[in-house]
Amino acid sequence: MLPILSGRIQTRLFLLAVVGSAVTAVLVPLLPLDGPLDERYRAAFGVLAAVAVLGVGWELLYHLLMQFRWEKDWPTLFGLVTVIPEAALLWLLLRGDAVPGVAAPPLVAYLSHVAVVWVAVWLVANGPMRVPLLRWRFRGGRLL
């Protein structure tokens, strides 16, 4: 069964909250960010929260675009490369101070954080997530 819109949104938010938070917690001390560690964590988790909020809007856009495809779904590789427009838009929003409470980190730190989190989330969604959540696929990707 194909994931439905609400299932894709639930899965995205769940994976960002669980996998994204774990990866961010491990990655922050390694990122080239300035300031005390608590401020670095605050900035990184602010970016992660902005990715989650913006991601809901992206899912709506992707859902619209998928209506023009015969299968009404993306190939798996498209799910991986969608990080490019999402990361670019978020970077522009962060640089333009459009995200309240989240300052734009240095570009290298931002790209490293987003790339590592995105690959980790994508890998878990396409592999290990299917083991503990056996019925996930049959419920259209919905978790609740």
C-alpha atoms as a PDB file:
ATOM      1  CA  MET A   1       0.000   0.000   0.000  1.00  0.00           C
ATOM      2  CA  LEU A   2       1.174   3.520  -0.731  1.00  0.00           C
ATOM      3  CA  PRO A   3       1.599   5.969   2.118  1.00  0.00           C
ATOM      4  CA  ILE A   4      -1.278   8.426   2.216  1.00  0.00           C
ATOM      5  CA  LEU A   5      -0.807  12.116   2.978  1.00  0.00           C
ATOM      6  CA  SER A   6      -1.541  11.868   6.708  1.00  0.00           C
ATOM      7  CA  GLY A   7       0.693   8.788   6.929  1.00  0.00           C
ATOM      8  CA  ARG A   8       3.591  10.562   5.250  1.00  0.00           C
ATOM      9  CA  ILE A   9       3.232  13.555   7.576  1.00  0.00           C
ATOM     10  CA  GLN A  10       3.046  11.329  10.668  1.00  0.00           C
ATOM     11  CA  THR A  11       6.047   9.290   9.525  1.00  0.00           C
ATOM     12  CA  ARG A  12       8.090  12.406   8.733  1.00  0.00           C
ATOM     13  CA  LEU A  13       7.390  13.984  12.128  1.00  0.00           C
ATOM     14  CA  PHE A  14       7.975  10.716  13.999  1.00  0.00           C
ATOM     15  CA  LEU A  15      11.302  10.050  12.276  1.00  0.00           C
ATOM     16  CA  LEU A  16      12.511  13.616  12.759  1.00  0.00           C
ATOM     17  CA  ALA A  17      11.543  13.487  16.432  1.00  0.00           C
ATOM     18  CA  VAL A  18      13.150  10.110  17.131  1.00  0.00           C
ATOM     19  CA  VAL A  19      15.963   9.583  14.624  1.00  0.00           C
ATOM     20  CA  GLY A  20      16.604  13.252  13.886  1.00  0.00           C
ATOM     21  CA  SER A  21      16.856  14.130  17.581  1.00  0.00           C
ATOM     22  CA  ALA A  22      19.217  11.243  18.323  1.00  0.00           C
ATOM     23  CA  VAL A  23      21.475  12.059  15.379  1.00  0.00           C
ATOM     24  CA  THR A  24      21.437  15.778  16.240  1.00  0.00           C
ATOM     25  CA  ALA A  25      22.346  15.070  19.864  1.00  0.00           C
ATOM     26  CA  VAL A  26      25.383  13.064  18.767  1.00  0.00           C
ATOM     27  CA  LEU A  27      26.367  15.374  15.909  1.00  0.00           C
ATOM     28  CA  VAL A  28      26.242  18.819  17.565  1.00  0.00           C
ATOM     29  CA  PRO A  29      29.608  18.570  19.401  1.00  0.00           C
ATOM     30  CA  LEU A  30      31.247  17.696  16.066  1.00  0.00           C
ATOM     31  CA  LEU A  31      29.729  20.575  14.069  1.00  0.00           C
ATOM     32  CA  PRO A  32      31.774  23.722  13.420  1.00  0.00           C
ATOM     33  CA  LEU A  33      29.562  26.004  15.517  1.00  0.00           C
ATOM     34  CA  ASP A  34      30.637  28.825  17.806  1.00  0.00           C
ATOM     35  CA  GLY A  35      29.507  29.400  21.358  1.00  0.00           C
ATOM     36  CA  PRO A  36      28.822  27.302  24.427  1.00  0.00           C
ATOM     37  CA  LEU A  37      27.487  23.796  23.954  1.00  0.00           C
ATOM     38  CA  ASP A  38      23.966  24.605  25.193  1.00  0.00           C
ATOM     39  CA  GLU A  39      23.609  27.382  22.585  1.00  0.00           C
ATOM     40  CA  ARG A  40      24.899  25.049  19.886  1.00  0.00           C
ATOM     41  CA  TYR A  41      22.295  22.439  20.859  1.00  0.00           C
ATOM     42  CA  ARG A  42      19.578  25.116  20.925  1.00  0.00           C
ATOM     43  CA  ALA A  43      20.529  26.261  17.400  1.00  0.00           C
ATOM     44  CA  ALA A  44      20.705  22.721  15.997  1.00  0.00           C
ATOM     45  CA  PHE A  45      17.387  21.641  17.507  1.00  0.00           C
ATOM     46  CA  GLY A  46      15.859  24.915  16.279  1.00  0.00           C
ATOM     47  CA  VAL A  47      16.896  23.981  12.743  1.00  0.00           C
ATOM     48  CA  LEU A  48      15.482  20.474  13.268  1.00  0.00           C
ATOM     49  CA  ALA A  49      12.154  21.932  14.430  1.00  0.00           C
ATOM     50  CA  ALA A  50      12.088  24.271  11.424  1.00  0.00           C
ATOM     51  CA  VAL A  51      12.699  21.274   9.132  1.00  0.00           C
ATOM     52  CA  ALA A  52       9.730  19.500  10.733  1.00  0.00           C
ATOM     53  CA  VAL A  53       7.373  22.470  10.370  1.00  0.00           C
ATOM     54  CA  LEU A  54       8.467  23.239   6.826  1.00  0.00           C
ATOM     55  CA  GLY A  55       8.252  19.522   6.007  1.00  0.00           C
ATOM     56  CA  VAL A  56       4.492  19.476   6.545  1.00  0.00           C
ATOM     57  CA  GLY A  57       4.160  22.132   3.843  1.00  0.00           C
ATOM     58  CA  TRP A  58       6.474  20.165   1.570  1.00  0.00           C
ATOM     59  CA  GLU A  59       4.332  17.046   2.024  1.00  0.00           C
ATOM     60  CA  LEU A  60       1.302  19.002   0.817  1.00  0.00           C
ATOM     61  CA  LEU A  61       3.224  20.159  -2.258  1.00  0.00           C
ATOM     62  CA  TYR A  62       4.569  16.651  -2.917  1.00  0.00           C
ATOM     63  CA  HIS A  63       1.060  15.256  -2.599  1.00  0.00           C
ATOM     64  CA  LEU A  64      -0.145  17.684  -5.266  1.00  0.00           C
ATOM     65  CA  LEU A  65       2.740  16.812  -7.586  1.00  0.00           C
ATOM     66  CA  MET A  66       2.202  13.074  -7.094  1.00  0.00           C
ATOM     67  CA  GLN A  67      -1.320  13.381  -8.481  1.00  0.00           C
ATOM     68  CA  PHE A  68       0.265  13.797 -11.920  1.00  0.00           C
ATOM     69  CA  ARG A  69       2.191  10.506 -11.629  1.00  0.00           C
ATOM     70  CA  TRP A  70       0.634   7.223 -12.727  1.00  0.00           C
ATOM     71  CA  GLU A  71       1.602   5.375  -9.521  1.00  0.00           C
ATOM     72  CA  LYS A  72       0.729   8.354  -7.276  1.00  0.00           C
ATOM     73  CA  ASP A  73       4.040   7.843  -5.444  1.00  0.00           C
ATOM     74  CA  TRP A  74       7.699   8.855  -5.708  1.00  0.00           C
ATOM     75  CA  PRO A  75      10.463   6.435  -6.572  1.00  0.00           C
ATOM     76  CA  THR A  76      12.598   5.790  -3.504  1.00  0.00           C
ATOM     77  CA  LEU A  77      15.518   7.832  -4.828  1.00  0.00           C
ATOM     78  CA  PHE A  78      13.274  10.912  -5.146  1.00  0.00           C
ATOM     79  CA  GLY A  79      12.653  10.658  -1.410  1.00  0.00           C
ATOM     80  CA  LEU A  80      16.377  11.015  -0.863  1.00  0.00           C
ATOM     81  CA  VAL A  81      16.979  13.934  -3.258  1.00  0.00           C
ATOM     82  CA  THR A  82      14.039  15.986  -1.999  1.00  0.00           C
ATOM     83  CA  VAL A  83      16.473  17.235   0.631  1.00  0.00           C
ATOM     84  CA  ILE A  84      17.983  19.599  -1.946  1.00  0.00           C
ATOM     85  CA  PRO A  85      15.015  21.968  -2.441  1.00  0.00           C
ATOM     86  CA  GLU A  86      13.933  21.600   1.191  1.00  0.00           C
ATOM     87  CA  ALA A  87      17.386  22.471   2.549  1.00  0.00           C
ATOM     88  CA  ALA A  88      17.810  25.343   0.081  1.00  0.00           C
ATOM     89  CA  LEU A  89      14.476  26.925   1.010  1.00  0.00           C
ATOM     90  CA  LEU A  90      15.105  26.549   4.727  1.00  0.00           C
ATOM     91  CA  TRP A  91      18.573  28.075   4.359  1.00  0.00           C
ATOM     92  CA  LEU A  92      17.074  31.091   2.571  1.00  0.00           C
ATOM     93  CA  LEU A  93      14.442  31.437   5.294  1.00  0.00           C
ATOM     94  CA  LEU A  94      17.057  31.208   8.031  1.00  0.00           C
ATOM     95  CA  ARG A  95      19.311  33.754   6.314  1.00  0.00           C
ATOM     96  CA  GLY A  96      16.383  36.126   5.873  1.00  0.00           C
ATOM     97  CA  ASP A  97      15.393  35.873   9.551  1.00  0.00           C
ATOM     98  CA  ALA A  98      12.018  34.428   8.536  1.00  0.00           C
ATOM     99  CA  VAL A  99      12.192  31.691  11.191  1.00  0.00           C
ATOM    100  CA  PRO A 100      11.607  33.296  14.597  1.00  0.00           C
ATOM    101  CA  GLY A 101      14.025  32.285  17.317  1.00  0.00           C
ATOM    102  CA  VAL A 102      16.398  30.387  15.010  1.00  0.00           C
ATOM    103  CA  ALA A 103      19.560  32.065  13.759  1.00  0.00           C
ATOM    104  CA  ALA A 104      21.252  30.825  10.607  1.00  0.00           C
ATOM    105  CA  PRO A 105      24.279  28.680  11.496  1.00  0.00           C
ATOM    106  CA  PRO A 106      27.411  28.707   9.330  1.00  0.00           C
ATOM    107  CA  LEU A 107      26.743  27.100   5.938  1.00  0.00           C
ATOM    108  CA  VAL A 108      29.134  24.170   6.467  1.00  0.00           C
ATOM    109  CA  ALA A 109      27.530  23.312   9.814  1.00  0.00           C
ATOM    110  CA  TYR A 110      24.034  23.652   8.334  1.00  0.00           C
ATOM    111  CA  LEU A 111      24.765  21.444   5.325  1.00  0.00           C
ATOM    112  CA  SER A 112      26.520  18.830   7.461  1.00  0.00           C
ATOM    113  CA  HIS A 113      23.666  18.697   9.964  1.00  0.00           C
ATOM    114  CA  VAL A 114      20.901  18.543   7.377  1.00  0.00           C
ATOM    115  CA  ALA A 115      22.690  15.962   5.208  1.00  0.00           C
ATOM    116  CA  VAL A 116      23.526  13.586   8.060  1.00  0.00           C
ATOM    117  CA  VAL A 117      20.051  13.814   9.613  1.00  0.00           C
ATOM    118  CA  TRP A 118      18.316  13.422   6.245  1.00  0.00           C
ATOM    119  CA  VAL A 119      20.320  10.343   5.249  1.00  0.00           C
ATOM    120  CA  ALA A 120      19.761   8.765   8.669  1.00  0.00           C
ATOM    121  CA  VAL A 121      16.004   9.415   8.516  1.00  0.00           C
ATOM    122  CA  TRP A 122      15.797   8.145   4.928  1.00  0.00           C
ATOM    123  CA  LEU A 123      17.726   4.969   5.761  1.00  0.00           C
ATOM    124  CA  VAL A 124      15.575   4.209   8.812  1.00  0.00           C
ATOM    125  CA  ALA A 125      12.355   4.845   6.855  1.00  0.00           C
ATOM    126  CA  ASN A 126      13.439   2.486   4.087  1.00  0.00           C
ATOM    127  CA  GLY A 127      14.831  -0.245   6.300  1.00  0.00           C
ATOM    128  CA  PRO A 128      14.752  -0.759  10.056  1.00  0.00           C
ATOM    129  CA  MET A 129      11.446   1.053  10.589  1.00  0.00           C
ATOM    130  CA  ARG A 130       9.651  -1.760   8.809  1.00  0.00           C
ATOM    131  CA  VAL A 131      10.719  -4.298  11.434  1.00  0.00           C
ATOM    132  CA  PRO A 132       9.153  -2.959  14.680  1.00  0.00           C
ATOM    133  CA  LEU A 133       6.231  -1.363  12.832  1.00  0.00           C
ATOM    134  CA  LEU A 134       5.117  -4.298  10.700  1.00  0.00           C
ATOM    135  CA  ARG A 135       1.650  -2.919   9.909  1.00  0.00           C
ATOM    136  CA  TRP A 136       2.926   0.595   9.074  1.00  0.00           C
ATOM    137  CA  ARG A 137       2.910  -0.037   5.314  1.00  0.00           C
ATOM    138  CA  PHE A 138      -0.550  -1.576   5.365  1.00  0.00           C
ATOM    139  CA  ARG A 139      -2.018   1.417   7.186  1.00  0.00           C
ATOM    140  CA  GLY A 140      -0.880   3.872   4.527  1.00  0.00           C
ATOM    141  CA  GLY A 141       2.136   4.981   6.572  1.00  0.00           C
ATOM    142  CA  ARG A 142      -0.021   6.140   9.470  1.00  0.00           C
ATOM    143  CA  LEU A 143       1.381   5.598  12.930  1.00  0.00           C
ATOM    144  CA  LEU A 144      -1.720   6.677  14.868  1.00  0.00           C
END
